[in-house]
Amino acid sequence: VEHPFGTIKRGLGMTYFLTKGMQSVKAEISFAFLAYNIKRAINILGVKEIIRRLTGKTASSSLQFYRFPMLIENIS
């Protein structure tokens, strides 16, 4: 488990907690791990595949629905 903690510490710049109290610190670290997992999924699967799995559509049609035509050119 050292790799995820090291990546979060160095890659995301999370060297200390910004909140106080056990509940808020747990929430803060949960967001950090969520960001790590999303970043890792994007690196493994790619943006098109993530969008396809989340929407159940093709990546280009779902991106056009959200009106991001400049992203369609850069994804390929």
C-alpha atoms as a PDB file:
ATOM      1  CA  VAL A   1       0.000   0.000   0.000  1.00  0.00           C
ATOM      2  CA  GLU A   2       3.006   2.308  -0.018  1.00  0.00           C
ATOM      3  CA  HIS A   3       2.572   3.267  -3.658  1.00  0.00           C
ATOM      4  CA  PRO A   4      -0.881   4.905  -3.335  1.00  0.00           C
ATOM      5  CA  PHE A   5       0.145   6.821  -0.220  1.00  0.00           C
ATOM      6  CA  GLY A   6       3.361   8.014  -1.864  1.00  0.00           C
ATOM      7  CA  THR A   7       1.516   9.051  -5.003  1.00  0.00           C
ATOM      8  CA  ILE A   8      -1.071  10.967  -3.019  1.00  0.00           C
ATOM      9  CA  LYS A   9       1.608  12.647  -0.935  1.00  0.00           C
ATOM     10  CA  ARG A  10       3.921  13.633  -3.782  1.00  0.00           C
ATOM     11  CA  GLY A  11       1.731  13.587  -6.881  1.00  0.00           C
ATOM     12  CA  LEU A  12      -1.302  15.297  -5.400  1.00  0.00           C
ATOM     13  CA  GLY A  13       0.702  17.406  -2.942  1.00  0.00           C
ATOM     14  CA  MET A  14      -1.218  16.235   0.094  1.00  0.00           C
ATOM     15  CA  THR A  15       1.402  16.404   2.831  1.00  0.00           C
ATOM     16  CA  TYR A  16      -0.930  17.385   5.674  1.00  0.00           C
ATOM     17  CA  PHE A  17      -4.640  17.588   6.455  1.00  0.00           C
ATOM     18  CA  LEU A  18      -6.470  20.868   6.070  1.00  0.00           C
ATOM     19  CA  THR A  19      -9.300  19.988   8.440  1.00  0.00           C
ATOM     20  CA  LYS A  20      -9.580  19.089  12.112  1.00  0.00           C
ATOM     21  CA  GLY A  21     -11.519  16.269  13.703  1.00  0.00           C
ATOM     22  CA  MET A  22     -11.644  12.600  12.844  1.00  0.00           C
ATOM     23  CA  GLN A  23     -14.794  12.779  10.723  1.00  0.00           C
ATOM     24  CA  SER A  24     -13.583  15.621   8.514  1.00  0.00           C
ATOM     25  CA  VAL A  25     -10.094  14.106   8.152  1.00  0.00           C
ATOM     26  CA  LYS A  26     -11.696  10.813   7.040  1.00  0.00           C
ATOM     27  CA  ALA A  27     -13.727  12.736   4.460  1.00  0.00           C
ATOM     28  CA  GLU A  28     -10.626  14.598   3.268  1.00  0.00           C
ATOM     29  CA  ILE A  29      -8.563  11.427   2.805  1.00  0.00           C
ATOM     30  CA  SER A  30     -11.545   9.761   1.094  1.00  0.00           C
ATOM     31  CA  PHE A  31     -11.583  12.563  -1.491  1.00  0.00           C
ATOM     32  CA  ALA A  32      -7.832  12.152  -1.995  1.00  0.00           C
ATOM     33  CA  PHE A  33      -8.207   8.411  -2.634  1.00  0.00           C
ATOM     34  CA  LEU A  34     -11.177   9.032  -4.909  1.00  0.00           C
ATOM     35  CA  ALA A  35      -9.040  11.427  -6.978  1.00  0.00           C
ATOM     36  CA  TYR A  36      -6.216   8.866  -7.041  1.00  0.00           C
ATOM     37  CA  ASN A  37      -8.558   6.086  -8.198  1.00  0.00           C
ATOM     38  CA  ILE A  38     -10.160   8.230 -10.901  1.00  0.00           C
ATOM     39  CA  LYS A  39      -6.736   9.344 -12.147  1.00  0.00           C
ATOM     40  CA  ARG A  40      -5.571   5.743 -12.238  1.00  0.00           C
ATOM     41  CA  ALA A  41      -8.701   4.557 -14.071  1.00  0.00           C
ATOM     42  CA  ILE A  42      -8.244   7.277 -16.685  1.00  0.00           C
ATOM     43  CA  ASN A  43      -4.590   6.278 -17.166  1.00  0.00           C
ATOM     44  CA  ILE A  44      -5.498   2.607 -17.560  1.00  0.00           C
ATOM     45  CA  LEU A  45      -8.722   2.826 -19.591  1.00  0.00           C
ATOM     46  CA  GLY A  46      -8.521   6.236 -21.222  1.00  0.00           C
ATOM     47  CA  VAL A  47     -11.039   9.061 -21.279  1.00  0.00           C
ATOM     48  CA  LYS A  48     -13.171   7.618 -24.089  1.00  0.00           C
ATOM     49  CA  GLU A  49     -13.661   4.299 -22.300  1.00  0.00           C
ATOM     50  CA  ILE A  50     -14.481   5.961 -18.970  1.00  0.00           C
ATOM     51  CA  ILE A  51     -17.129   8.129 -20.632  1.00  0.00           C
ATOM     52  CA  ARG A  52     -18.528   5.141 -22.539  1.00  0.00           C
ATOM     53  CA  ARG A  53     -18.848   3.105 -19.348  1.00  0.00           C
ATOM     54  CA  LEU A  54     -20.399   5.938 -17.365  1.00  0.00           C
ATOM     55  CA  THR A  55     -22.966   6.937 -19.983  1.00  0.00           C
ATOM     56  CA  GLY A  56     -23.512   3.683 -21.839  1.00  0.00           C
ATOM     57  CA  LYS A  57     -22.990   5.595 -25.098  1.00  0.00           C
ATOM     58  CA  THR A  58     -20.079   6.231 -27.389  1.00  0.00           C
ATOM     59  CA  ALA A  59     -17.600   8.802 -26.148  1.00  0.00           C
ATOM     60  CA  SER A  60     -18.031  11.214 -29.045  1.00  0.00           C
ATOM     61  CA  SER A  61     -21.837  11.327 -28.833  1.00  0.00           C
ATOM     62  CA  SER A  62     -21.837  11.864 -25.057  1.00  0.00           C
ATOM     63  CA  LEU A  63     -19.246  14.618 -25.357  1.00  0.00           C
ATOM     64  CA  GLN A  64     -21.310  16.344 -28.030  1.00  0.00           C
ATOM     65  CA  PHE A  65     -24.293  16.162 -25.711  1.00  0.00           C
ATOM     66  CA  TYR A  66     -22.350  18.115 -23.100  1.00  0.00           C
ATOM     67  CA  ARG A  67     -21.146  20.540 -25.794  1.00  0.00           C
ATOM     68  CA  PHE A  68     -17.417  20.019 -25.527  1.00  0.00           C
ATOM     69  CA  PRO A  69     -16.460  19.755 -29.203  1.00  0.00           C
ATOM     70  CA  MET A  70     -12.847  20.803 -28.525  1.00  0.00           C
ATOM     71  CA  LEU A  71     -12.349  17.708 -26.338  1.00  0.00           C
ATOM     72  CA  ILE A  72     -13.398  15.332 -29.115  1.00  0.00           C
ATOM     73  CA  GLU A  73     -10.470  16.439 -31.260  1.00  0.00           C
ATOM     74  CA  ASN A  74      -7.950  16.084 -28.402  1.00  0.00           C
ATOM     75  CA  ILE A  75      -9.081  12.645 -27.130  1.00  0.00           C
ATOM     76  CA  SER A  76      -8.030  10.645 -30.182  1.00  0.00           C
END
